[in-house]
Amino acid sequence: MTQELDWNLLAALDVLLAEGSVTAAAERLCLSVPATSRTLGRIRKTFEDPILVRAGRGLVPTPRAIAIQARLHHLIEEAHALVDTGRDLDLSSLERTFAIRANDALTSMLAARLVKAVQVVAPGAFLRFVPEGDEDLGPLRDGLVDLDIGVIADLGPEVCVQPLYEERLVGMVAADHPLASGRVTLRRIAAADHIGVSRRGRTRGAFDEILEQHGLARKVLVVVPTFTAAAHIIANSQLTGLVTAGFAAHVAGQTGVNIYEIPAQLPQLPIAQAWHVRFDLDPAHHWLRSQIAALLQPARPPSRTASSQPRSTPRAEREN
């Protein structure tokens, strides 16, 4: 574009591309439909491209529009963040929904305490915990997820990552299970029947490699997708399984299970929270991140910014 930049046009274009409808965009922009149509005409002239073209009863973006949509949305969000930076945040009047992606173990450990902490100072805030899925950049970039908490893979320079704490795995059994008493050895663990936890249905992990190094192997009878399901099954069976230590401490008193240490050096799981860079300067977002960091790890390490070199964690480790 050779002409002077019109931020109002860019903001309108962002809404038009998100809605794919002049009528819907007009409602969001608080404009009449004719005024929004005229704005689309100016956008087309500015970009020298149709931007949105008729397809049946709706409008679809042109290749040029598709190519600029993500960058445009990022630019608009950054502009809003810059305007808000330095303003006093009135948490008592904050009305905002925050989407937090985490596995069931972290959600059960965090949700109740976070809701309590948030409601004290920001009663208008709404927390929506969403399950893990394909942990890629898309939901963070599109604003579908505000915060991703867990073992974070390297998602590139668009994502800021703050390490929270190092998690470890422990064993869990029912109170009347043989492993609930006596000296726990790798041989005794391998001899027991196991339950596995994997969203992908996997039956093997780092622990199996350790057992193999000692000439041992375990028998996995069932695999479930969540730690919560595993804890309930373990409490009512003679199965044993590996769960995160934080989750084990959280549920042990509630489910009547016993926890035992694994007599081997299992890999630590680096738990962190991640967010898209456009939210880095957002006061409300920063406040929520500080609440989560304080609840999960009071003595937390410094944030890792988008410009620094993040620690890459293999995706397979997260998906197990």
Foldseek 3Di string as FASTA:
>chain_A
DPDDDDVVLLVLLLLCQVVQALCVSCVVVVHDSVVSVVSLVVVCVVVVHNQWDDDPPTTHGDPVNVVCNLVSVLVVLLVVLVVCFPPDDQLCPDAEEAEEEDAPLVCLLPVVVLVVVSCVRRVNYHYHYDYDDPPACVCQSVVVHFKYKFQDAPRALQKWKFWQDWKDKWKKAACPAPVVDDDDAPVVLQPFEAEAEFLVQDDDDPVQVVQVVVVGGHHYDYYYHHPVVVLQVRNVDNHMYMDIPSSCVVCCVPSRMGIGGYPDDDDIRTIIMMHGQSCVSPVVSVVSRVSRSCSRHVPTDDIGHSPHDDDGDDVVVVRD
